[in-house]
N, C-alpha and C. Protein backbone atom coordinates (compact mmCIF):
# COMPACT_ATOMS: atom_id res chain seq x y z
N LEU A 1 78.44 113.93 99.28
CA LEU A 1 79.47 113.59 98.47
C LEU A 1 80.45 112.54 98.85
N GLU A 2 80.20 111.86 99.90
CA GLU A 2 81.11 110.87 100.54
C GLU A 2 81.50 109.76 99.40
N PHE A 3 80.54 109.47 98.49
CA PHE A 3 80.75 108.58 97.56
C PHE A 3 81.87 108.82 96.58
N ILE A 4 82.25 110.09 96.39
CA ILE A 4 83.32 110.44 95.48
C ILE A 4 84.47 109.59 95.69
N ASN A 5 84.88 109.43 96.84
CA ASN A 5 86.18 108.90 97.17
C ASN A 5 85.99 107.32 97.25
N ASN A 6 84.76 106.89 97.22
CA ASN A 6 84.67 105.53 97.39
C ASN A 6 84.62 104.78 95.93
N THR A 7 85.49 103.79 95.85
CA THR A 7 85.68 103.19 94.55
C THR A 7 84.66 102.09 94.25
N ALA A 8 83.83 101.69 95.36
CA ALA A 8 82.90 100.57 95.18
C ALA A 8 81.52 101.03 95.06
N GLY A 9 80.69 100.40 94.37
CA GLY A 9 79.37 100.58 94.17
C GLY A 9 78.97 101.24 92.84
N PHE A 10 77.78 100.87 92.52
CA PHE A 10 76.98 101.49 91.37
C PHE A 10 76.18 102.58 91.92
N ARG A 11 76.11 103.76 91.42
CA ARG A 11 75.12 104.81 91.72
C ARG A 11 74.14 104.89 90.68
N ILE A 12 74.38 105.07 89.39
CA ILE A 12 73.39 105.43 88.52
C ILE A 12 72.59 104.22 88.11
N ILE A 13 73.17 103.04 88.30
CA ILE A 13 72.52 101.77 87.90
C ILE A 13 71.11 101.52 88.76
N ASN A 14 70.92 102.28 89.82
CA ASN A 14 69.60 102.22 90.50
C ASN A 14 68.50 103.11 89.83
N ALA A 15 68.95 103.89 88.88
CA ALA A 15 67.85 104.63 88.04
C ALA A 15 66.92 103.74 87.35
N SER A 16 65.59 103.96 87.39
CA SER A 16 64.70 102.95 86.79
C SER A 16 65.03 102.56 85.31
N TRP A 17 65.29 103.52 84.52
CA TRP A 17 65.57 102.98 83.13
C TRP A 17 66.95 102.37 82.95
N ILE A 18 67.84 102.63 83.74
CA ILE A 18 69.21 102.01 83.61
C ILE A 18 69.01 100.50 84.08
N SER A 19 68.35 100.53 85.31
CA SER A 19 68.14 99.01 85.94
C SER A 19 67.37 98.14 85.01
N ARG A 20 66.48 98.78 84.24
CA ARG A 20 65.78 97.96 83.32
C ARG A 20 66.64 97.38 82.17
N MET A 21 67.54 98.34 81.80
CA MET A 21 68.58 97.86 80.69
C MET A 21 69.43 96.63 81.26
N PHE A 22 69.72 96.65 82.43
CA PHE A 22 70.62 95.62 82.99
C PHE A 22 69.87 94.27 83.21
N ASN A 23 68.53 94.36 82.92
CA ASN A 23 67.77 93.15 82.71
C ASN A 23 67.80 92.27 81.44
N ASP A 24 68.47 93.15 80.48
CA ASP A 24 68.70 92.41 79.18
C ASP A 24 69.99 92.02 79.08
N PRO A 25 70.04 90.54 78.86
CA PRO A 25 71.18 89.77 78.87
C PRO A 25 72.25 90.40 77.75
N ALA A 26 71.64 90.83 76.60
CA ALA A 26 72.50 91.29 75.56
C ALA A 26 73.16 92.63 75.84
N PHE A 27 72.29 93.50 76.65
CA PHE A 27 72.99 94.69 77.07
C PHE A 27 74.14 94.36 78.09
N VAL A 28 73.75 93.46 79.05
CA VAL A 28 74.86 93.25 80.03
C VAL A 28 75.97 92.64 79.38
N ALA A 29 75.84 91.90 78.33
CA ALA A 29 77.09 91.33 77.73
C ALA A 29 77.80 92.29 76.98
N ALA A 30 77.12 93.34 76.42
CA ALA A 30 77.74 94.36 75.70
C ALA A 30 78.63 95.30 76.58
N VAL A 31 77.97 95.66 77.74
CA VAL A 31 78.50 96.40 78.86
C VAL A 31 79.86 95.78 79.41
N LYS A 32 79.81 94.39 79.60
CA LYS A 32 80.86 93.56 80.09
C LYS A 32 81.98 93.68 79.06
N ALA A 33 81.65 93.37 77.78
CA ALA A 33 82.70 93.39 76.72
C ALA A 33 83.35 94.75 76.64
N ARG A 34 82.67 95.83 76.81
CA ARG A 34 83.26 97.18 76.60
C ARG A 34 84.12 97.46 77.80
N PHE A 35 83.66 97.00 78.95
CA PHE A 35 84.49 97.25 80.19
C PHE A 35 85.76 96.49 80.07
N ASP A 36 85.64 95.18 79.66
CA ASP A 36 86.81 94.25 79.45
C ASP A 36 87.91 95.00 78.44
N SER A 37 87.30 95.66 77.46
CA SER A 37 88.33 96.22 76.48
C SER A 37 89.17 97.31 77.32
N TYR A 38 88.42 98.10 78.11
CA TYR A 38 89.17 99.09 78.95
C TYR A 38 90.14 98.48 79.97
N TYR A 39 89.56 97.51 80.68
CA TYR A 39 90.31 96.76 81.75
C TYR A 39 91.59 96.09 81.19
N ASN A 40 91.61 95.46 79.98
CA ASN A 40 92.72 94.99 79.39
C ASN A 40 93.75 96.03 79.00
N GLU A 41 93.34 97.30 78.97
CA GLU A 41 94.26 98.39 78.68
C GLU A 41 94.66 99.16 79.95
N LYS A 42 94.31 98.69 81.02
CA LYS A 42 94.54 99.36 82.26
C LYS A 42 96.02 100.00 82.44
N ALA A 43 97.00 99.19 82.15
CA ALA A 43 98.28 99.62 82.25
C ALA A 43 98.57 100.76 81.37
N ILE A 44 98.02 100.72 80.16
CA ILE A 44 98.28 101.74 79.15
C ILE A 44 97.56 103.10 79.63
N ILE A 45 96.36 102.91 80.17
CA ILE A 45 95.65 104.15 80.72
C ILE A 45 96.35 104.71 81.85
N ILE A 46 96.84 103.92 82.78
CA ILE A 46 97.69 104.54 83.85
C ILE A 46 99.11 105.15 83.44
N ASN A 47 99.56 104.45 82.55
CA ASN A 47 100.85 105.11 81.96
C ASN A 47 100.60 106.35 81.38
N HIS A 48 99.56 106.46 80.63
CA HIS A 48 99.05 107.87 80.04
C HIS A 48 98.86 108.79 80.99
N ILE A 49 98.20 108.56 82.29
CA ILE A 49 98.05 109.40 83.28
C ILE A 49 99.38 109.94 83.83
N GLU A 50 100.30 108.92 84.00
CA GLU A 50 101.65 109.41 84.48
C GLU A 50 102.41 110.26 83.31
N GLU A 51 102.19 109.90 82.21
CA GLU A 51 102.94 110.78 81.12
C GLU A 51 102.19 112.18 81.17
N MET A 52 101.05 112.36 81.22
CA MET A 52 100.30 113.62 81.19
C MET A 52 100.63 114.42 82.53
N ALA A 53 100.76 113.57 83.51
CA ALA A 53 101.03 114.28 84.82
C ALA A 53 102.48 114.98 84.79
N GLU A 54 103.40 114.30 84.16
CA GLU A 54 104.82 114.69 83.98
C GLU A 54 104.78 115.78 83.07
N LYS A 55 104.01 115.74 81.99
CA LYS A 55 103.94 116.75 80.98
C LYS A 55 103.49 118.04 81.56
N ASN A 56 102.48 117.98 82.34
CA ASN A 56 101.67 119.19 82.86
C ASN A 56 102.15 119.73 84.14
N GLU A 57 103.19 118.89 84.79
CA GLU A 57 103.53 119.33 86.10
C GLU A 57 104.09 120.86 86.08
N LYS A 58 105.04 121.32 85.23
CA LYS A 58 105.48 122.63 85.07
C LYS A 58 104.24 123.66 85.08
N SER A 59 103.43 123.36 84.15
CA SER A 59 102.30 124.38 83.94
C SER A 59 101.37 124.34 85.31
N ALA A 60 101.31 123.27 85.89
CA ALA A 60 100.49 123.24 87.14
C ALA A 60 101.18 124.07 88.17
N PHE A 61 102.56 123.80 88.23
CA PHE A 61 103.32 124.70 89.27
C PHE A 61 103.15 126.21 88.97
N GLU A 62 103.27 126.59 87.70
CA GLU A 62 103.13 128.01 87.46
C GLU A 62 101.88 128.61 87.70
N ASN A 63 100.85 127.75 87.44
CA ASN A 63 99.42 127.97 87.64
C ASN A 63 99.27 128.29 89.27
N ASN A 64 99.74 127.38 89.95
CA ASN A 64 99.72 127.40 91.47
C ASN A 64 100.43 128.67 91.91
N LYS A 65 101.60 128.92 91.40
CA LYS A 65 102.34 130.01 91.79
C LYS A 65 101.64 131.35 91.59
N LEU A 66 101.01 131.41 90.37
CA LEU A 66 100.16 132.69 89.95
C LEU A 66 98.87 132.84 90.74
N TRP A 67 98.06 131.71 90.99
CA TRP A 67 96.87 131.82 91.60
C TRP A 67 96.72 131.26 92.98
N GLY A 68 97.53 130.23 93.28
CA GLY A 68 97.45 129.76 94.69
C GLY A 68 96.17 128.98 94.81
N GLY A 69 95.95 128.56 96.09
CA GLY A 69 94.66 127.92 96.37
C GLY A 69 94.57 126.53 95.75
N GLY A 70 95.46 126.03 95.03
CA GLY A 70 95.33 124.59 94.45
C GLY A 70 96.02 123.61 95.42
N LEU A 71 97.02 123.24 95.04
CA LEU A 71 97.60 122.19 95.70
C LEU A 71 98.34 122.72 97.11
N CYS A 72 98.82 123.89 96.98
CA CYS A 72 99.54 124.57 98.11
C CYS A 72 99.56 126.01 98.01
N ASP A 73 99.85 126.75 99.02
CA ASP A 73 99.99 128.14 98.93
C ASP A 73 100.74 128.61 97.76
N LYS A 74 100.50 129.72 97.29
CA LYS A 74 101.03 130.30 95.95
C LYS A 74 102.49 130.55 96.23
N ASN A 75 102.91 130.87 97.52
CA ASN A 75 104.18 131.11 98.02
C ASN A 75 105.04 129.94 98.38
N GLY A 76 104.43 128.68 98.27
CA GLY A 76 105.10 127.65 98.74
C GLY A 76 106.29 127.13 97.89
N SER A 77 107.09 126.39 98.41
CA SER A 77 108.40 125.92 97.65
C SER A 77 108.10 124.97 96.63
N ARG A 78 108.95 124.86 95.82
CA ARG A 78 108.95 123.89 94.74
C ARG A 78 108.84 122.45 95.23
N GLU A 79 109.52 122.20 96.35
CA GLU A 79 109.39 120.86 96.89
C GLU A 79 108.10 120.51 97.53
N THR A 80 107.59 121.57 98.21
CA THR A 80 106.20 121.47 98.77
C THR A 80 105.17 121.25 97.65
N PHE A 81 105.12 122.05 96.54
CA PHE A 81 104.34 121.78 95.39
C PHE A 81 104.52 120.34 94.76
N ASP A 82 105.78 119.89 94.63
CA ASP A 82 106.15 118.69 94.02
C ASP A 82 105.37 117.54 94.77
N ALA A 83 105.61 117.75 96.17
CA ALA A 83 105.15 116.55 96.91
C ALA A 83 103.55 116.63 97.00
N ALA A 84 102.90 117.85 96.96
CA ALA A 84 101.36 117.77 96.78
C ALA A 84 100.99 117.26 95.56
N TYR A 85 101.69 117.63 94.36
CA TYR A 85 101.20 117.30 93.01
C TYR A 85 101.55 115.72 92.90
N ASN A 86 102.47 115.22 93.25
CA ASN A 86 102.72 113.72 93.20
C ASN A 86 101.82 112.93 94.08
N GLU A 87 101.42 113.58 95.21
CA GLU A 87 100.42 112.78 96.05
C GLU A 87 98.99 112.77 95.25
N GLN A 88 98.69 113.97 94.66
CA GLN A 88 97.47 113.84 93.90
C GLN A 88 97.48 112.94 92.76
N VAL A 89 98.58 112.99 92.10
CA VAL A 89 98.64 111.92 90.94
C VAL A 89 98.56 110.55 91.37
N SER A 90 99.23 110.18 92.44
CA SER A 90 99.17 108.90 92.99
C SER A 90 97.67 108.54 93.43
N TYR A 91 97.15 109.52 94.09
CA TYR A 91 95.65 109.37 94.45
C TYR A 91 94.87 108.94 93.43
N VAL A 92 94.90 109.58 92.26
CA VAL A 92 94.14 109.41 91.08
C VAL A 92 94.27 107.99 90.49
N ILE A 93 95.72 107.56 90.26
CA ILE A 93 95.94 106.37 89.93
C ILE A 93 95.50 105.17 90.82
N ASN A 94 95.69 105.40 92.01
CA ASN A 94 95.25 104.39 92.99
C ASN A 94 93.74 104.33 92.97
N TRP A 95 93.04 105.47 92.98
CA TRP A 95 91.63 105.39 92.95
C TRP A 95 91.17 104.62 91.71
N LEU A 96 91.63 105.07 90.45
CA LEU A 96 91.32 104.39 89.35
C LEU A 96 91.61 102.88 89.26
N SER A 97 92.66 102.45 89.75
CA SER A 97 93.04 101.07 89.88
C SER A 97 92.18 100.28 90.75
N SER A 98 91.80 100.79 91.76
CA SER A 98 90.86 100.25 92.81
C SER A 98 89.37 100.18 92.11
N ARG A 99 89.07 101.23 91.44
CA ARG A 99 87.67 101.12 90.76
C ARG A 99 87.74 100.15 89.69
N PHE A 100 88.83 100.13 88.96
CA PHE A 100 88.90 99.04 87.83
C PHE A 100 88.66 97.71 88.50
N GLU A 101 89.29 97.43 89.53
CA GLU A 101 89.16 96.12 90.19
C GLU A 101 87.73 95.76 90.83
N TRP A 102 87.18 96.83 91.44
CA TRP A 102 85.83 96.67 91.85
C TRP A 102 84.92 96.34 90.79
N LEU A 103 84.99 97.26 89.58
CA LEU A 103 84.04 96.98 88.41
C LEU A 103 84.32 95.63 87.87
N LYS A 104 85.69 95.13 87.81
CA LYS A 104 85.77 93.82 87.33
C LYS A 104 85.06 92.80 87.99
N THR A 105 85.21 92.95 89.38
CA THR A 105 84.47 91.88 90.15
C THR A 105 82.89 92.01 90.00
N ALA A 106 82.43 93.16 89.97
CA ALA A 106 81.10 93.50 89.98
C ALA A 106 80.50 92.90 88.50
N TYR A 107 81.08 93.24 87.45
CA TYR A 107 80.74 92.84 86.09
C TYR A 107 80.89 91.32 85.84
N ASP A 108 81.90 90.79 86.38
CA ASP A 108 82.17 89.30 86.31
C ASP A 108 81.07 88.59 87.01
N ALA A 109 80.54 89.19 87.93
CA ALA A 109 79.34 88.60 88.77
C ALA A 109 78.06 88.71 88.22
N MET A 110 77.92 89.53 87.09
CA MET A 110 76.58 89.63 86.41
C MET A 110 76.39 88.53 85.49
């Protein structure tokens, strides 16, 4: 599972049927165009993640308080929870940003 945190590399592209699809210039062009449509909306996507994180923060806190084992101990302070929650939100945003940039470089090289 070490690849989960790695933002570089294609994993599924090595499957025989997918690698054959990438031999088709029309398919590659379509993939690149589709990716570019998402890449051009990267700021909107990240903003949406931030908005949803803010909207769901109270529910996440209450869930953690009830069940524990999530971001921190269920008896943890609000400050401890907030720090852990914000760290995870930042991690997702940073991971996604890095993945976007790696994919952009990889697709542009095709």
